[in-house]
């Protein structure tokens, strides 16, 4: 009984901490990201974890504005269209605590070339769903999730997450609850670690 109380108390403290530090934070959508699908997931996150984030779409990143986007989501292989300056900015942003999510990577070869450009000194690794979503606070039914994740960690913190051969955003458009939980969990863990 005491253990459950401590876990609940810890979740409340982490949620309150996340609420305080997520104010005025934005998710930047780059490429062909569906804003409504992302908004569905962020609303789900706000209802479950009280983390409120707004969205900006296809804003040109610069040294002045990139720190306002702790999470950047690039869709439909949009990462291939980034300029060299944008790649350098993103690499520095990730080293300073940002998170880059690449949705629906369709080519391992082009993905590996991009990784060598953005963060050549770090290696990625395949991430099992059970490992990535432990603890499973939102109760994701991992048996219903069919995605492949590849992550790049800097100092044991997730800096880049590649979603391969599947699209989280398409599932968010359909309001698939398990995938809404997946997206919410990724952001929740990013804000609380």
N, C-alpha and C. Protein backbone atom coordinates (compact mmCIF):
# COMPACT_ATOMS: atom_id res chain seq x y z
N UNK A 1 0.83 -1.19 0.00
CA UNK A 1 0.00 0.00 0.00
C UNK A 1 0.87 1.25 0.00
N UNK A 2 1.90 1.26 0.83
CA UNK A 2 2.79 2.42 0.92
C UNK A 2 3.55 2.61 -0.39
N UNK A 3 3.94 1.49 -1.04
CA UNK A 3 4.66 1.57 -2.30
C UNK A 3 3.79 2.24 -3.37
N UNK A 4 2.50 1.88 -3.44
CA UNK A 4 1.59 2.50 -4.40
C UNK A 4 1.43 3.99 -4.12
N UNK A 5 1.35 4.34 -2.86
CA UNK A 5 1.21 5.75 -2.48
C UNK A 5 2.43 6.55 -2.93
N UNK A 6 3.62 5.98 -2.73
CA UNK A 6 4.86 6.67 -3.11
C UNK A 6 4.93 6.82 -4.63
N UNK A 7 4.53 5.81 -5.38
CA UNK A 7 4.53 5.88 -6.84
C UNK A 7 3.57 6.95 -7.31
N UNK A 8 2.37 6.98 -6.75
CA UNK A 8 1.37 8.00 -7.13
C UNK A 8 1.89 9.40 -6.80
N UNK A 9 2.48 9.55 -5.63
CA UNK A 9 3.03 10.84 -5.23
C UNK A 9 4.15 11.27 -6.19
N UNK A 10 4.99 10.34 -6.58
CA UNK A 10 6.08 10.66 -7.51
C UNK A 10 5.53 11.10 -8.86
N UNK A 11 4.48 10.43 -9.34
CA UNK A 11 3.87 10.81 -10.61
C UNK A 11 3.27 12.21 -10.52
N UNK A 12 2.63 12.53 -9.41
CA UNK A 12 2.05 13.86 -9.22
C UNK A 12 3.15 14.92 -9.22
N UNK A 13 4.23 14.67 -8.53
CA UNK A 13 5.34 15.63 -8.46
C UNK A 13 5.95 15.83 -9.84
N UNK A 14 6.19 14.73 -10.57
CA UNK A 14 6.77 14.81 -11.90
C UNK A 14 5.82 15.55 -12.84
N UNK A 15 4.52 15.26 -12.75
CA UNK A 15 3.55 15.94 -13.60
C UNK A 15 3.51 17.42 -13.32
N UNK A 16 3.55 17.82 -12.05
CA UNK A 16 3.54 19.23 -11.68
C UNK A 16 4.81 19.91 -12.19
N UNK A 17 5.95 19.23 -12.02
CA UNK A 17 7.22 19.75 -12.52
C UNK A 17 7.14 19.95 -14.03
N UNK A 18 6.57 18.97 -14.74
CA UNK A 18 6.45 19.05 -16.19
C UNK A 18 5.55 20.20 -16.60
N UNK A 19 4.46 20.41 -15.87
CA UNK A 19 3.53 21.49 -16.17
C UNK A 19 4.24 22.83 -16.06
N UNK A 20 5.02 23.00 -15.02
CA UNK A 20 5.73 24.26 -14.82
C UNK A 20 6.71 24.55 -15.94
N UNK A 21 7.47 23.53 -16.35
CA UNK A 21 8.53 23.75 -17.32
C UNK A 21 8.08 23.61 -18.76
N UNK A 22 6.83 23.20 -19.00
CA UNK A 22 6.37 23.08 -20.38
C UNK A 22 5.63 24.33 -20.84
N UNK A 23 5.39 25.27 -19.95
CA UNK A 23 4.71 26.49 -20.34
C UNK A 23 5.52 27.20 -21.42
N UNK A 24 4.83 27.69 -22.43
CA UNK A 24 5.44 28.43 -23.53
C UNK A 24 6.42 27.59 -24.35
N UNK A 25 6.39 26.29 -24.23
CA UNK A 25 7.22 25.42 -25.05
C UNK A 25 6.41 24.99 -26.26
N UNK A 26 7.10 24.80 -27.37
CA UNK A 26 6.41 24.47 -28.61
C UNK A 26 7.02 23.23 -29.25
N UNK A 27 6.19 22.52 -29.97
CA UNK A 27 6.64 21.43 -30.83
C UNK A 27 6.70 22.02 -32.22
N UNK A 28 7.84 21.89 -32.87
CA UNK A 28 7.99 22.39 -34.24
C UNK A 28 7.78 21.23 -35.20
N UNK A 29 6.86 21.41 -36.13
CA UNK A 29 6.60 20.43 -37.18
C UNK A 29 7.32 20.88 -38.44
N UNK A 30 8.12 20.00 -38.99
CA UNK A 30 8.84 20.30 -40.23
C UNK A 30 8.53 19.21 -41.24
N UNK A 31 8.49 19.58 -42.51
CA UNK A 31 8.15 18.62 -43.54
C UNK A 31 6.65 18.54 -43.69
N UNK A 32 6.18 17.40 -44.13
CA UNK A 32 4.75 17.23 -44.42
C UNK A 32 4.03 16.60 -43.22
N UNK A 33 4.10 17.27 -42.08
CA UNK A 33 3.44 16.79 -40.86
C UNK A 33 2.00 17.28 -40.82
N UNK A 34 1.10 16.41 -40.43
CA UNK A 34 -0.29 16.79 -40.27
C UNK A 34 -0.47 17.46 -38.91
N UNK A 35 -0.86 18.71 -38.93
CA UNK A 35 -1.00 19.46 -37.68
C UNK A 35 -2.13 18.91 -36.81
N UNK A 36 -3.24 18.50 -37.44
CA UNK A 36 -4.39 18.01 -36.66
C UNK A 36 -4.03 16.72 -35.92
N UNK A 37 -3.33 15.81 -36.58
CA UNK A 37 -2.93 14.57 -35.92
C UNK A 37 -2.04 14.85 -34.72
N UNK A 38 -1.09 15.77 -34.89
CA UNK A 38 -0.19 16.12 -33.79
C UNK A 38 -0.97 16.80 -32.67
N UNK A 39 -1.92 17.64 -33.04
CA UNK A 39 -2.76 18.31 -32.03
C UNK A 39 -3.57 17.26 -31.24
N UNK A 40 -4.07 16.22 -31.91
CA UNK A 40 -4.79 15.14 -31.23
C UNK A 40 -3.92 14.52 -30.14
N UNK A 41 -2.66 14.24 -30.49
CA UNK A 41 -1.75 13.62 -29.53
C UNK A 41 -1.43 14.57 -28.39
N UNK A 42 -1.18 15.84 -28.70
CA UNK A 42 -0.84 16.81 -27.65
C UNK A 42 -2.02 17.05 -26.71
N UNK A 43 -3.25 17.03 -27.24
CA UNK A 43 -4.43 17.13 -26.38
C UNK A 43 -4.53 15.93 -25.46
N UNK A 44 -4.23 14.75 -26.00
CA UNK A 44 -4.23 13.53 -25.18
C UNK A 44 -3.20 13.65 -24.07
N UNK A 45 -2.00 14.13 -24.41
CA UNK A 45 -0.93 14.33 -23.44
C UNK A 45 -1.36 15.31 -22.35
N UNK A 46 -1.99 16.40 -22.74
CA UNK A 46 -2.44 17.40 -21.78
C UNK A 46 -3.49 16.82 -20.83
N UNK A 47 -4.42 16.03 -21.37
CA UNK A 47 -5.45 15.42 -20.52
C UNK A 47 -4.88 14.41 -19.55
N UNK A 48 -3.87 13.66 -19.97
CA UNK A 48 -3.34 12.58 -19.13
C UNK A 48 -2.21 13.03 -18.20
N UNK A 49 -1.37 13.97 -18.65
CA UNK A 49 -0.18 14.31 -17.88
C UNK A 49 -0.06 15.80 -17.56
N UNK A 50 -1.04 16.58 -18.00
CA UNK A 50 -1.04 18.03 -17.73
C UNK A 50 0.21 18.71 -18.28
N UNK A 51 0.67 18.24 -19.44
CA UNK A 51 1.77 18.90 -20.14
C UNK A 51 1.15 19.56 -21.37
N UNK A 52 1.16 20.89 -21.37
CA UNK A 52 0.54 21.65 -22.46
C UNK A 52 1.62 22.22 -23.36
N UNK A 53 1.55 21.83 -24.61
CA UNK A 53 2.50 22.31 -25.61
C UNK A 53 1.71 22.86 -26.80
N UNK A 54 2.26 23.89 -27.43
CA UNK A 54 1.64 24.40 -28.64
C UNK A 54 2.45 23.92 -29.84
N UNK A 55 1.91 24.19 -31.03
CA UNK A 55 2.52 23.71 -32.27
C UNK A 55 2.85 24.91 -33.15
N UNK A 56 3.99 24.85 -33.79
CA UNK A 56 4.32 25.75 -34.88
C UNK A 56 4.75 24.87 -36.04
N UNK A 57 4.44 25.33 -37.23
CA UNK A 57 4.69 24.48 -38.40
C UNK A 57 5.55 25.19 -39.43
N UNK A 58 6.56 24.47 -39.90
CA UNK A 58 7.43 24.91 -40.99
C UNK A 58 7.99 26.31 -40.79
N UNK A 59 8.48 26.56 -39.58
CA UNK A 59 9.19 27.80 -39.27
C UNK A 59 10.67 27.57 -39.59
N UNK A 60 11.29 28.53 -40.21
CA UNK A 60 12.73 28.42 -40.47
C UNK A 60 13.47 28.51 -39.15
N UNK A 61 14.27 27.49 -38.85
CA UNK A 61 15.01 27.50 -37.59
C UNK A 61 16.25 28.38 -37.71
N UNK A 62 16.58 28.99 -36.59
CA UNK A 62 17.76 29.85 -36.54
C UNK A 62 18.36 29.74 -35.14
N UNK A 63 19.53 30.31 -34.96
CA UNK A 63 20.15 30.31 -33.63
C UNK A 63 19.27 31.02 -32.61
N UNK A 64 18.51 32.01 -33.06
CA UNK A 64 17.68 32.80 -32.15
C UNK A 64 16.44 32.07 -31.68
N UNK A 65 15.85 31.20 -32.53
CA UNK A 65 14.56 30.62 -32.16
C UNK A 65 14.57 29.14 -31.83
N UNK A 66 15.63 28.42 -32.13
CA UNK A 66 15.60 26.96 -32.00
C UNK A 66 15.42 26.50 -30.55
N UNK A 67 15.91 27.28 -29.59
CA UNK A 67 15.78 26.85 -28.19
C UNK A 67 14.33 26.86 -27.71
N UNK A 68 13.45 27.52 -28.41
CA UNK A 68 12.02 27.53 -28.05
C UNK A 68 11.29 26.27 -28.47
N UNK A 69 11.99 25.37 -29.14
CA UNK A 69 11.39 24.12 -29.63
C UNK A 69 12.12 22.92 -29.01
N UNK A 70 11.75 22.54 -27.79
CA UNK A 70 12.44 21.39 -27.19
C UNK A 70 12.21 20.09 -27.96
N UNK A 71 11.11 20.06 -28.72
CA UNK A 71 10.81 18.87 -29.52
C UNK A 71 10.56 19.32 -30.96
N UNK A 72 11.29 18.71 -31.87
CA UNK A 72 11.12 18.98 -33.29
C UNK A 72 10.74 17.67 -33.96
N UNK A 73 9.66 17.70 -34.72
CA UNK A 73 9.13 16.52 -35.40
C UNK A 73 9.23 16.75 -36.90
N UNK A 74 9.96 15.87 -37.57
CA UNK A 74 10.11 15.96 -39.03
C UNK A 74 9.43 14.75 -39.65
N UNK A 75 8.59 15.02 -40.65
CA UNK A 75 7.78 13.95 -41.25
C UNK A 75 8.14 13.71 -42.72
N UNK A 76 7.78 12.54 -43.18
CA UNK A 76 7.84 12.18 -44.61
C UNK A 76 9.21 12.44 -45.22
N UNK A 77 10.23 12.00 -44.56
CA UNK A 77 11.61 12.15 -45.04
C UNK A 77 11.99 13.61 -45.28
N UNK A 78 11.32 14.53 -44.60
CA UNK A 78 11.62 15.95 -44.71
C UNK A 78 13.03 16.28 -44.26
N UNK A 79 13.64 15.40 -43.48
CA UNK A 79 15.01 15.65 -43.01
C UNK A 79 16.00 15.67 -44.18
N UNK A 80 15.62 15.08 -45.30
CA UNK A 80 16.50 15.06 -46.47
C UNK A 80 16.59 16.44 -47.13
N UNK A 81 15.63 17.32 -46.84
CA UNK A 81 15.58 18.64 -47.47
C UNK A 81 16.24 19.73 -46.63
N UNK A 82 16.82 19.36 -45.49
CA UNK A 82 17.46 20.36 -44.63
C UNK A 82 18.75 20.86 -45.25
N UNK A 83 19.01 22.15 -45.06
CA UNK A 83 20.28 22.73 -45.53
C UNK A 83 21.39 22.32 -44.57
N UNK A 84 22.62 22.51 -44.99
CA UNK A 84 23.76 22.21 -44.13
C UNK A 84 23.72 23.04 -42.85
N UNK A 85 23.32 24.32 -42.97
CA UNK A 85 23.21 25.18 -41.78
C UNK A 85 22.16 24.65 -40.81
N UNK A 86 21.02 24.19 -41.34
CA UNK A 86 19.97 23.64 -40.48
C UNK A 86 20.43 22.36 -39.79
N UNK A 87 21.20 21.54 -40.49
CA UNK A 87 21.73 20.30 -39.90
C UNK A 87 22.65 20.63 -38.74
N UNK A 88 23.52 21.62 -38.92
CA UNK A 88 24.44 22.03 -37.84
C UNK A 88 23.64 22.57 -36.65
N UNK A 89 22.65 23.42 -36.92
CA UNK A 89 21.80 23.97 -35.84
C UNK A 89 21.11 22.85 -35.08
N UNK A 90 20.54 21.89 -35.80
CA UNK A 90 19.86 20.76 -35.16
C UNK A 90 20.83 19.94 -34.32
N UNK A 91 21.99 19.66 -34.86
CA UNK A 91 22.99 18.88 -34.12
C UNK A 91 23.34 19.55 -32.80
N UNK A 92 23.58 20.85 -32.82
CA UNK A 92 23.89 21.59 -31.59
C UNK A 92 22.71 21.60 -30.64
N UNK A 93 21.50 21.75 -31.19
CA UNK A 93 20.29 21.76 -30.37
C UNK A 93 20.12 20.43 -29.63
N UNK A 94 20.38 19.33 -30.31
CA UNK A 94 20.24 18.01 -29.69
C UNK A 94 21.28 17.81 -28.60
N UNK A 95 22.48 18.31 -28.81
CA UNK A 95 23.53 18.21 -27.80
C UNK A 95 23.19 19.02 -26.55
N UNK A 96 22.36 20.04 -26.71
CA UNK A 96 21.98 20.91 -25.58
C UNK A 96 20.66 20.50 -24.95
N UNK A 97 20.09 19.36 -25.35
CA UNK A 97 18.91 18.86 -24.67
C UNK A 97 17.65 18.75 -25.51
N UNK A 98 17.70 19.13 -26.76
CA UNK A 98 16.53 19.03 -27.63
C UNK A 98 16.26 17.58 -28.02
N UNK A 99 15.06 17.34 -28.51
CA UNK A 99 14.67 16.02 -29.00
C UNK A 99 14.17 16.16 -30.44
N UNK A 100 14.71 15.36 -31.33
CA UNK A 100 14.29 15.32 -32.72
C UNK A 100 13.63 13.98 -32.97
N UNK A 101 12.39 14.02 -33.47
CA UNK A 101 11.67 12.80 -33.83
C UNK A 101 11.51 12.80 -35.34
N UNK A 102 11.96 11.74 -35.97
CA UNK A 102 11.81 11.58 -37.41
C UNK A 102 10.74 10.52 -37.64
N UNK A 103 9.61 10.93 -38.20
CA UNK A 103 8.47 10.03 -38.39
C UNK A 103 8.50 9.40 -39.77
N UNK A 104 8.29 8.10 -39.79
CA UNK A 104 8.12 7.34 -41.03
C UNK A 104 9.36 7.35 -41.92
N UNK A 105 10.46 6.88 -41.36
CA UNK A 105 11.70 6.74 -42.14
C UNK A 105 11.54 5.54 -43.06
N UNK A 106 11.74 5.77 -44.35
CA UNK A 106 11.52 4.69 -45.32
C UNK A 106 12.80 4.10 -45.89
N UNK A 107 13.94 4.75 -45.64
CA UNK A 107 15.20 4.23 -46.18
C UNK A 107 16.27 4.24 -45.09
N UNK A 108 16.73 3.06 -44.73
CA UNK A 108 17.80 2.96 -43.74
C UNK A 108 19.08 3.63 -44.23
N UNK A 109 19.34 3.54 -45.54
CA UNK A 109 20.56 4.11 -46.10
C UNK A 109 20.58 5.63 -45.95
N UNK A 110 19.51 6.31 -46.39
CA UNK A 110 19.48 7.78 -46.29
C UNK A 110 19.43 8.22 -44.84
N UNK A 111 18.79 7.44 -43.99
CA UNK A 111 18.75 7.76 -42.57
C UNK A 111 20.16 7.71 -41.98
N UNK A 112 20.93 6.69 -42.35
CA UNK A 112 22.30 6.58 -41.81
C UNK A 112 23.18 7.72 -42.32
N UNK A 113 22.99 8.15 -43.56
CA UNK A 113 23.76 9.29 -44.08
C UNK A 113 23.40 10.56 -43.30
N UNK A 114 22.11 10.76 -43.03
CA UNK A 114 21.67 11.93 -42.26
C UNK A 114 22.28 11.91 -40.87
N UNK A 115 22.29 10.76 -40.22
CA UNK A 115 22.86 10.65 -38.87
C UNK A 115 24.34 11.00 -38.87
N UNK A 116 25.05 10.59 -39.90
CA UNK A 116 26.48 10.91 -39.98
C UNK A 116 26.71 12.40 -40.17
N UNK A 117 25.74 13.07 -40.80
CA UNK A 117 25.85 14.52 -40.98
C UNK A 117 25.51 15.27 -39.70
N UNK A 118 24.46 14.85 -39.02
CA UNK A 118 23.95 15.63 -37.90
C UNK A 118 24.72 15.39 -36.60
N UNK A 119 25.04 14.14 -36.31
CA UNK A 119 25.77 13.80 -35.07
C UNK A 119 26.75 12.66 -35.35
N UNK A 120 27.82 12.95 -36.06
CA UNK A 120 28.73 11.88 -36.48
C UNK A 120 29.44 11.17 -35.32
N UNK A 121 29.55 11.83 -34.19
CA UNK A 121 30.28 11.24 -33.07
C UNK A 121 29.44 10.29 -32.21
N UNK A 122 28.14 10.15 -32.55
CA UNK A 122 27.26 9.28 -31.76
C UNK A 122 26.69 8.17 -32.63
N UNK A 123 26.36 7.06 -31.98
CA UNK A 123 25.78 5.92 -32.68
C UNK A 123 24.34 5.73 -32.24
N UNK A 124 23.54 5.18 -33.15
CA UNK A 124 22.16 4.86 -32.81
C UNK A 124 22.07 3.41 -32.38
N UNK A 125 20.93 3.10 -31.79
CA UNK A 125 20.66 1.70 -31.46
C UNK A 125 19.18 1.44 -31.61
N UNK A 126 18.87 0.20 -31.99
CA UNK A 126 17.47 -0.20 -32.05
C UNK A 126 16.94 -0.27 -30.62
N UNK A 127 15.72 0.18 -30.43
CA UNK A 127 15.15 0.22 -29.09
C UNK A 127 13.92 -0.68 -29.06
N UNK A 128 13.91 -1.63 -28.14
CA UNK A 128 12.72 -2.47 -27.98
C UNK A 128 11.64 -1.65 -27.29
N UNK A 129 10.41 -1.92 -27.63
CA UNK A 129 9.29 -1.18 -27.04
C UNK A 129 9.23 -1.37 -25.53
N UNK A 130 9.49 -2.60 -25.08
CA UNK A 130 9.43 -2.86 -23.63
C UNK A 130 10.51 -2.07 -22.89
N UNK A 131 11.69 -1.96 -23.49
CA UNK A 131 12.78 -1.19 -22.88
C UNK A 131 12.44 0.30 -22.90
N UNK A 132 11.96 0.78 -24.03
CA UNK A 132 11.72 2.21 -24.19
C UNK A 132 10.58 2.71 -23.31
N UNK A 133 9.52 1.91 -23.20
CA UNK A 133 8.35 2.34 -22.43
C UNK A 133 8.30 1.72 -21.04
N UNK A 134 9.46 1.58 -20.42
CA UNK A 134 9.51 1.11 -19.04
C UNK A 134 9.93 2.29 -18.18
N UNK A 135 9.17 2.68 -17.19
CA UNK A 135 7.87 2.14 -16.82
C UNK A 135 6.79 2.60 -17.80
N UNK A 136 5.76 1.79 -17.92
CA UNK A 136 4.68 2.03 -18.87
C UNK A 136 3.55 2.76 -18.13
N UNK A 137 3.78 4.03 -17.83
CA UNK A 137 2.86 4.81 -16.99
C UNK A 137 1.47 4.96 -17.60
N UNK A 138 1.39 5.12 -18.92
CA UNK A 138 0.09 5.32 -19.57
C UNK A 138 -0.59 4.00 -19.94
N UNK A 139 0.05 2.88 -19.62
CA UNK A 139 -0.57 1.57 -19.86
C UNK A 139 -0.71 1.22 -21.33
N UNK A 140 0.33 1.46 -22.11
CA UNK A 140 0.31 1.12 -23.53
C UNK A 140 0.22 -0.39 -23.68
N UNK A 141 -0.69 -0.87 -24.53
CA UNK A 141 -0.76 -2.29 -24.84
C UNK A 141 0.29 -2.55 -25.92
N UNK A 142 1.49 -2.94 -25.50
CA UNK A 142 2.62 -3.08 -26.42
C UNK A 142 2.40 -4.15 -27.48
N UNK A 143 1.48 -5.07 -27.22
CA UNK A 143 1.17 -6.11 -28.21
C UNK A 143 0.45 -5.52 -29.43
N UNK A 144 -0.20 -4.37 -29.25
CA UNK A 144 -0.95 -3.74 -30.34
C UNK A 144 -0.11 -2.74 -31.13
N UNK A 145 1.13 -2.53 -30.72
CA UNK A 145 1.98 -1.53 -31.34
C UNK A 145 2.96 -2.22 -32.30
N UNK A 146 2.93 -1.82 -33.56
CA UNK A 146 3.83 -2.39 -34.55
C UNK A 146 4.67 -1.26 -35.15
N UNK A 147 5.73 -0.88 -34.44
CA UNK A 147 6.66 0.13 -34.95
C UNK A 147 8.08 -0.30 -34.61
N UNK A 148 9.01 0.21 -35.39
CA UNK A 148 10.42 -0.02 -35.12
C UNK A 148 11.04 1.31 -34.75
N UNK A 149 11.70 1.35 -33.62
CA UNK A 149 12.32 2.59 -33.14
C UNK A 149 13.83 2.46 -33.14
N UNK A 150 14.48 3.52 -33.56
CA UNK A 150 15.93 3.60 -33.48
C UNK A 150 16.25 4.92 -32.78
N UNK A 151 17.08 4.86 -31.77
CA UNK A 151 17.36 6.06 -30.99
C UNK A 151 18.82 6.39 -30.91
N UNK A 152 19.08 7.66 -30.70
CA UNK A 152 20.42 8.15 -30.48
C UNK A 152 20.41 8.83 -29.12
N UNK A 153 21.31 8.39 -28.25
CA UNK A 153 21.35 8.90 -26.88
C UNK A 153 22.62 9.72 -26.67
N UNK A 154 22.46 10.84 -25.97
CA UNK A 154 23.58 11.66 -25.57
C UNK A 154 23.54 11.74 -24.04
N UNK A 155 24.59 11.24 -23.40
CA UNK A 155 24.63 11.18 -21.92
C UNK A 155 23.39 10.51 -21.34
N UNK A 156 23.03 9.37 -21.90
CA UNK A 156 21.88 8.56 -21.46
C UNK A 156 20.54 9.27 -21.61
N UNK A 157 20.48 10.32 -22.43
CA UNK A 157 19.24 11.03 -22.69
C UNK A 157 18.91 10.88 -24.17
N UNK A 158 17.66 10.55 -24.47
CA UNK A 158 17.24 10.40 -25.86
C UNK A 158 17.32 11.76 -26.56
N UNK A 159 18.08 11.82 -27.64
CA UNK A 159 18.23 13.06 -28.40
C UNK A 159 17.54 12.96 -29.76
N UNK A 160 17.53 11.77 -30.35
CA UNK A 160 16.92 11.58 -31.66
C UNK A 160 16.19 10.25 -31.66
N UNK A 161 14.97 10.27 -32.15
CA UNK A 161 14.18 9.04 -32.25
C UNK A 161 13.69 8.90 -33.68
N UNK A 162 14.08 7.80 -34.30
CA UNK A 162 13.62 7.50 -35.65
C UNK A 162 12.52 6.45 -35.60
N UNK A 163 11.39 6.75 -36.21
CA UNK A 163 10.27 5.81 -36.33
C UNK A 163 10.33 5.26 -37.75
N UNK A 164 10.61 3.98 -37.85
CA UNK A 164 10.87 3.38 -39.15
C UNK A 164 9.66 2.63 -39.72
N UNK A 165 9.46 2.88 -41.01
CA UNK A 165 8.48 2.14 -41.82
C UNK A 165 7.07 2.18 -41.23
N UNK A 166 6.77 3.20 -40.49
CA UNK A 166 5.44 3.39 -39.91
C UNK A 166 5.33 4.87 -39.54
N UNK A 167 4.12 5.36 -39.47
CA UNK A 167 3.92 6.76 -39.15
C UNK A 167 3.08 6.94 -37.90
N UNK A 168 3.69 7.54 -36.90
CA UNK A 168 2.93 7.88 -35.69
C UNK A 168 1.82 8.87 -36.03
N UNK A 169 2.14 9.85 -36.87
CA UNK A 169 1.17 10.91 -37.17
C UNK A 169 -0.08 10.34 -37.83
N UNK A 170 0.06 9.38 -38.74
CA UNK A 170 -1.13 8.79 -39.37
C UNK A 170 -2.01 8.12 -38.32
N UNK A 171 -1.39 7.48 -37.35
CA UNK A 171 -2.16 6.85 -36.27
C UNK A 171 -2.82 7.91 -35.38
N UNK A 172 -2.14 9.06 -35.20
CA UNK A 172 -2.73 10.14 -34.39
C UNK A 172 -3.91 10.77 -35.12
N UNK A 173 -3.84 10.85 -36.45
CA UNK A 173 -4.97 11.38 -37.23
C UNK A 173 -6.19 10.50 -37.00
N UNK A 174 -5.97 9.17 -36.99
CA UNK A 174 -7.06 8.21 -36.78
C UNK A 174 -7.48 8.12 -35.31
N UNK A 175 -6.78 8.87 -34.44
CA UNK A 175 -7.03 8.86 -32.99
C UNK A 175 -6.94 7.45 -32.39
N UNK A 176 -5.98 6.67 -32.88
CA UNK A 176 -5.70 5.35 -32.34
C UNK A 176 -5.13 5.55 -30.92
N UNK A 177 -5.88 5.12 -29.92
CA UNK A 177 -5.51 5.43 -28.54
C UNK A 177 -4.15 4.88 -28.14
N UNK A 178 -3.81 3.70 -28.60
CA UNK A 178 -2.51 3.14 -28.23
C UNK A 178 -1.37 4.01 -28.78
N UNK A 179 -1.54 4.52 -29.99
CA UNK A 179 -0.49 5.38 -30.57
C UNK A 179 -0.53 6.78 -29.98
N UNK A 180 -1.70 7.25 -29.52
CA UNK A 180 -1.75 8.51 -28.77
C UNK A 180 -0.96 8.35 -27.47
N UNK A 181 -1.07 7.18 -26.87
CA UNK A 181 -0.30 6.89 -25.64
C UNK A 181 1.20 6.85 -25.95
N UNK A 182 1.56 6.27 -27.10
CA UNK A 182 2.97 6.18 -27.49
C UNK A 182 3.55 7.59 -27.62
N UNK A 183 2.90 8.46 -28.39
CA UNK A 183 3.39 9.82 -28.57
C UNK A 183 3.45 10.58 -27.27
N UNK A 184 2.41 10.45 -26.45
CA UNK A 184 2.37 11.13 -25.16
C UNK A 184 3.49 10.64 -24.26
N UNK A 185 3.75 9.35 -24.28
CA UNK A 185 4.82 8.79 -23.44
C UNK A 185 6.19 9.29 -23.87
N UNK A 186 6.42 9.38 -25.18
CA UNK A 186 7.71 9.88 -25.67
C UNK A 186 7.95 11.28 -25.14
N UNK A 187 6.96 12.15 -25.23
CA UNK A 187 7.12 13.52 -24.77
C UNK A 187 7.19 13.59 -23.26
N UNK A 188 6.35 12.80 -22.57
CA UNK A 188 6.36 12.78 -21.11
C UNK A 188 7.74 12.39 -20.59
N UNK A 189 8.31 11.33 -21.15
CA UNK A 189 9.63 10.89 -20.71
C UNK A 189 10.69 11.94 -21.02
N UNK A 190 10.55 12.61 -22.17
CA UNK A 190 11.53 13.64 -22.53
C UNK A 190 11.49 14.79 -21.52
N UNK A 191 10.30 15.21 -21.09
CA UNK A 191 10.19 16.32 -20.16
C UNK A 191 10.53 15.94 -18.73
N UNK A 192 10.51 14.67 -18.41
CA UNK A 192 10.71 14.28 -17.01
C UNK A 192 12.05 13.59 -16.77
N UNK A 193 12.87 13.42 -17.77
CA UNK A 193 14.18 12.77 -17.56
C UNK A 193 15.27 13.78 -17.54
